[in-house]
């Protein structure tokens, strides 16, 4: 049985599921498009803003950039390894 069910596989839903699972929770994400071709995250991914004024935004931007570059290793499976590596090789900074 799952501890948490998240409806929506956009960036917020997937990130919430990822970080909750890292804390030992059993998480299920329900997404109407299992291919994620029409999910909000891949459709809106265009780059990262790197110029901020507030310290919190600067730290969050740095964390996000480092995390994205670690995705191939963090989310590695036999099926997704090649796809994730190709996706992360696109540097839009």
N, C-alpha and C. Protein backbone atom coordinates (compact mmCIF):
# COMPACT_ATOMS: atom_id res chain seq x y z
N UNK A 1 0.84 -1.18 0.00
CA UNK A 1 0.00 0.00 0.00
C UNK A 1 0.89 1.24 0.00
N UNK A 2 0.45 2.27 -0.72
CA UNK A 2 1.20 3.51 -0.82
C UNK A 2 0.90 4.41 0.38
N UNK A 3 1.93 5.15 0.82
CA UNK A 3 1.74 6.16 1.87
C UNK A 3 1.10 7.41 1.29
N UNK A 4 1.50 7.74 0.06
CA UNK A 4 1.08 8.99 -0.57
C UNK A 4 0.72 8.72 -2.02
N UNK A 5 -0.36 9.31 -2.49
CA UNK A 5 -0.72 9.27 -3.90
C UNK A 5 -0.72 10.70 -4.40
N UNK A 6 0.03 10.95 -5.47
CA UNK A 6 0.13 12.29 -6.04
C UNK A 6 -0.55 12.28 -7.40
N UNK A 7 -1.46 13.20 -7.60
CA UNK A 7 -2.16 13.32 -8.87
C UNK A 7 -1.47 14.39 -9.69
N UNK A 8 -0.89 13.98 -10.80
CA UNK A 8 -0.22 14.90 -11.70
C UNK A 8 1.27 14.67 -11.73
N UNK A 9 1.79 14.42 -12.92
CA UNK A 9 3.20 14.13 -13.08
C UNK A 9 4.01 15.29 -13.61
N UNK A 10 3.55 16.51 -13.34
CA UNK A 10 4.34 17.68 -13.71
C UNK A 10 5.52 17.81 -12.76
N UNK A 11 6.25 18.89 -12.88
CA UNK A 11 7.47 19.06 -12.10
C UNK A 11 7.21 19.04 -10.59
N UNK A 12 6.11 19.63 -10.15
CA UNK A 12 5.82 19.66 -8.72
C UNK A 12 5.46 18.26 -8.22
N UNK A 13 4.62 17.55 -8.95
CA UNK A 13 4.23 16.21 -8.55
C UNK A 13 5.40 15.25 -8.54
N UNK A 14 6.21 15.29 -9.60
CA UNK A 14 7.35 14.38 -9.69
C UNK A 14 8.42 14.72 -8.66
N UNK A 15 8.69 16.00 -8.47
CA UNK A 15 9.68 16.39 -7.46
C UNK A 15 9.22 16.00 -6.06
N UNK A 16 7.93 16.21 -5.78
CA UNK A 16 7.39 15.82 -4.47
C UNK A 16 7.54 14.32 -4.27
N UNK A 17 7.20 13.55 -5.29
CA UNK A 17 7.32 12.09 -5.20
C UNK A 17 8.77 11.67 -5.00
N UNK A 18 9.67 12.29 -5.73
CA UNK A 18 11.09 11.93 -5.61
C UNK A 18 11.61 12.18 -4.19
N UNK A 19 11.39 13.38 -3.69
CA UNK A 19 11.95 13.72 -2.38
C UNK A 19 11.24 12.98 -1.25
N UNK A 20 9.96 12.68 -1.38
CA UNK A 20 9.27 11.89 -0.36
C UNK A 20 9.79 10.45 -0.38
N UNK A 21 10.04 9.91 -1.57
CA UNK A 21 10.56 8.54 -1.63
C UNK A 21 11.97 8.46 -1.06
N UNK A 22 12.75 9.53 -1.20
CA UNK A 22 14.09 9.56 -0.61
C UNK A 22 14.02 9.52 0.92
N UNK A 23 12.89 9.95 1.47
CA UNK A 23 12.69 9.92 2.92
C UNK A 23 12.04 8.61 3.38
N UNK A 24 11.90 7.64 2.45
CA UNK A 24 11.38 6.34 2.82
C UNK A 24 9.89 6.14 2.65
N UNK A 25 9.19 7.13 2.09
CA UNK A 25 7.74 7.00 1.88
C UNK A 25 7.48 6.21 0.61
N UNK A 26 6.39 5.45 0.58
CA UNK A 26 5.95 4.76 -0.62
C UNK A 26 5.00 5.69 -1.36
N UNK A 27 5.40 6.08 -2.57
CA UNK A 27 4.68 7.12 -3.31
C UNK A 27 4.22 6.57 -4.66
N UNK A 28 3.00 6.93 -5.02
CA UNK A 28 2.49 6.60 -6.36
C UNK A 28 2.09 7.91 -7.03
N UNK A 29 2.54 8.09 -8.28
CA UNK A 29 2.17 9.27 -9.07
C UNK A 29 1.16 8.82 -10.11
N UNK A 30 0.03 9.50 -10.16
CA UNK A 30 -0.98 9.23 -11.18
C UNK A 30 -0.92 10.35 -12.21
N UNK A 31 -0.60 9.98 -13.44
CA UNK A 31 -0.48 10.94 -14.54
C UNK A 31 -1.33 10.43 -15.70
N UNK A 32 -2.15 11.31 -16.27
CA UNK A 32 -3.03 10.86 -17.34
C UNK A 32 -2.28 10.47 -18.60
N UNK A 33 -1.07 10.98 -18.77
CA UNK A 33 -0.25 10.61 -19.93
C UNK A 33 0.97 9.85 -19.44
N UNK A 34 0.93 8.52 -19.46
CA UNK A 34 2.06 7.74 -18.94
C UNK A 34 3.35 7.91 -19.73
N UNK A 35 3.27 8.46 -20.92
CA UNK A 35 4.50 8.73 -21.69
C UNK A 35 5.14 10.04 -21.28
N UNK A 36 4.41 10.87 -20.55
CA UNK A 36 4.84 12.19 -20.09
C UNK A 36 5.13 13.16 -21.25
N UNK A 37 4.66 12.84 -22.43
CA UNK A 37 4.88 13.73 -23.58
C UNK A 37 4.07 15.02 -23.44
N UNK A 38 2.92 14.97 -22.74
CA UNK A 38 2.11 16.18 -22.57
C UNK A 38 2.11 16.67 -21.13
N UNK A 39 2.97 16.12 -20.29
CA UNK A 39 3.08 16.61 -18.91
C UNK A 39 3.69 18.01 -18.93
N UNK A 40 3.43 18.78 -17.91
CA UNK A 40 3.86 20.18 -17.92
C UNK A 40 5.37 20.37 -17.92
N UNK A 41 6.11 19.50 -17.24
CA UNK A 41 7.55 19.72 -17.13
C UNK A 41 8.29 19.63 -18.46
N UNK A 42 8.15 18.53 -19.22
CA UNK A 42 8.91 18.49 -20.47
C UNK A 42 8.46 19.52 -21.49
N UNK A 43 7.21 19.95 -21.42
CA UNK A 43 6.73 20.95 -22.37
C UNK A 43 7.23 22.35 -22.04
N UNK A 44 7.52 22.61 -20.77
CA UNK A 44 7.93 23.96 -20.38
C UNK A 44 9.42 24.11 -20.16
N UNK A 45 10.18 23.03 -20.25
CA UNK A 45 11.60 23.09 -19.95
C UNK A 45 12.32 23.90 -21.01
N UNK A 46 12.85 25.02 -20.60
CA UNK A 46 13.55 25.86 -21.54
C UNK A 46 14.89 26.34 -21.04
N UNK A 47 15.14 26.21 -19.78
CA UNK A 47 16.40 26.67 -19.23
C UNK A 47 16.22 27.12 -17.79
N UNK A 48 17.30 27.61 -17.24
CA UNK A 48 17.29 28.10 -15.87
C UNK A 48 17.67 29.56 -15.86
N UNK A 49 16.99 30.31 -15.03
CA UNK A 49 17.37 31.69 -14.81
C UNK A 49 18.54 31.68 -13.84
N UNK A 50 19.60 32.38 -14.17
CA UNK A 50 20.80 32.33 -13.34
C UNK A 50 21.10 33.65 -12.63
N UNK A 51 20.35 34.69 -12.94
CA UNK A 51 20.61 35.97 -12.29
C UNK A 51 19.48 36.30 -11.33
N UNK A 52 19.80 36.35 -10.07
CA UNK A 52 18.81 36.65 -9.04
C UNK A 52 19.40 37.68 -8.09
N UNK A 53 18.52 38.31 -7.33
CA UNK A 53 18.93 39.29 -6.35
C UNK A 53 18.89 38.69 -4.94
N UNK A 54 17.81 37.94 -4.63
CA UNK A 54 17.65 37.41 -3.28
C UNK A 54 18.48 36.14 -3.09
N UNK A 55 19.08 36.05 -1.92
CA UNK A 55 19.95 34.90 -1.59
C UNK A 55 19.22 33.57 -1.76
N UNK A 56 17.95 33.49 -1.32
CA UNK A 56 17.19 32.25 -1.41
C UNK A 56 17.02 31.80 -2.86
N UNK A 57 16.76 32.74 -3.76
CA UNK A 57 16.61 32.39 -5.18
C UNK A 57 17.93 31.93 -5.77
N UNK A 58 19.01 32.54 -5.36
CA UNK A 58 20.34 32.13 -5.85
C UNK A 58 20.63 30.71 -5.40
N UNK A 59 20.40 30.40 -4.12
CA UNK A 59 20.65 29.06 -3.60
C UNK A 59 19.74 28.02 -4.26
N UNK A 60 18.48 28.37 -4.47
CA UNK A 60 17.55 27.44 -5.12
C UNK A 60 17.97 27.17 -6.57
N UNK A 61 18.40 28.21 -7.27
CA UNK A 61 18.87 28.04 -8.64
C UNK A 61 20.10 27.14 -8.73
N UNK A 62 21.02 27.32 -7.80
CA UNK A 62 22.22 26.47 -7.76
C UNK A 62 21.86 25.02 -7.47
N UNK A 63 20.97 24.82 -6.51
CA UNK A 63 20.53 23.46 -6.19
C UNK A 63 19.87 22.81 -7.40
N UNK A 64 18.99 23.54 -8.06
CA UNK A 64 18.27 22.98 -9.22
C UNK A 64 19.23 22.59 -10.33
N UNK A 65 20.19 23.43 -10.62
CA UNK A 65 21.16 23.13 -11.68
C UNK A 65 21.97 21.88 -11.35
N UNK A 66 22.46 21.80 -10.13
CA UNK A 66 23.23 20.62 -9.72
C UNK A 66 22.37 19.36 -9.75
N UNK A 67 21.13 19.48 -9.30
CA UNK A 67 20.23 18.33 -9.28
C UNK A 67 19.94 17.85 -10.70
N UNK A 68 19.65 18.76 -11.60
CA UNK A 68 19.33 18.38 -12.99
C UNK A 68 20.50 17.63 -13.62
N UNK A 69 21.71 18.07 -13.38
CA UNK A 69 22.86 17.40 -13.97
C UNK A 69 23.11 16.03 -13.34
N UNK A 70 22.53 15.76 -12.17
CA UNK A 70 22.68 14.46 -11.52
C UNK A 70 21.54 13.50 -11.89
N UNK A 71 20.55 13.97 -12.62
CA UNK A 71 19.38 13.15 -12.92
C UNK A 71 19.73 11.80 -13.55
N UNK A 72 20.64 11.73 -14.52
CA UNK A 72 20.91 10.40 -15.10
C UNK A 72 21.34 9.37 -14.06
N UNK A 73 22.12 9.79 -13.08
CA UNK A 73 22.57 8.85 -12.05
C UNK A 73 21.49 8.61 -11.00
N UNK A 74 20.80 9.67 -10.59
CA UNK A 74 19.79 9.55 -9.53
C UNK A 74 18.59 8.72 -9.95
N UNK A 75 18.18 8.84 -11.20
CA UNK A 75 16.98 8.16 -11.68
C UNK A 75 17.30 7.03 -12.64
N UNK A 76 18.49 6.51 -12.56
CA UNK A 76 18.95 5.51 -13.51
C UNK A 76 18.17 4.20 -13.41
N UNK A 77 17.70 3.75 -14.54
CA UNK A 77 17.17 2.41 -14.72
C UNK A 77 17.72 1.92 -16.05
N UNK A 78 17.58 0.67 -16.32
CA UNK A 78 18.09 0.14 -17.59
C UNK A 78 17.38 0.80 -18.77
N UNK A 79 16.08 1.07 -18.64
CA UNK A 79 15.31 1.65 -19.75
C UNK A 79 15.59 3.13 -19.95
N UNK A 80 15.77 3.87 -18.87
CA UNK A 80 15.82 5.33 -18.97
C UNK A 80 17.21 5.91 -19.03
N UNK A 81 18.24 5.14 -18.78
CA UNK A 81 19.58 5.69 -18.71
C UNK A 81 19.97 6.45 -19.97
N UNK A 82 19.79 5.85 -21.12
CA UNK A 82 20.18 6.50 -22.38
C UNK A 82 19.33 7.73 -22.64
N UNK A 83 18.02 7.66 -22.40
CA UNK A 83 17.13 8.80 -22.61
C UNK A 83 17.50 9.97 -21.71
N UNK A 84 17.75 9.70 -20.44
CA UNK A 84 18.09 10.77 -19.50
C UNK A 84 19.44 11.39 -19.82
N UNK A 85 20.40 10.59 -20.22
CA UNK A 85 21.71 11.14 -20.56
C UNK A 85 21.60 12.08 -21.75
N UNK A 86 20.85 11.68 -22.75
CA UNK A 86 20.66 12.54 -23.93
C UNK A 86 19.96 13.83 -23.55
N UNK A 87 18.97 13.73 -22.67
CA UNK A 87 18.21 14.91 -22.24
C UNK A 87 19.10 15.88 -21.48
N UNK A 88 19.95 15.39 -20.61
CA UNK A 88 20.79 16.25 -19.78
C UNK A 88 21.99 16.81 -20.52
N UNK A 89 22.32 16.29 -21.67
CA UNK A 89 23.45 16.82 -22.43
C UNK A 89 23.14 18.16 -23.07
N UNK A 90 21.86 18.50 -23.15
CA UNK A 90 21.47 19.79 -23.70
C UNK A 90 21.69 20.86 -22.66
N UNK A 91 22.69 21.67 -22.85
CA UNK A 91 23.05 22.71 -21.88
C UNK A 91 22.46 24.03 -22.35
N UNK A 92 21.48 24.54 -21.62
CA UNK A 92 20.80 25.78 -22.00
C UNK A 92 21.14 26.92 -21.06
N UNK A 93 22.28 26.88 -20.42
CA UNK A 93 22.63 27.89 -19.42
C UNK A 93 23.30 29.07 -20.07
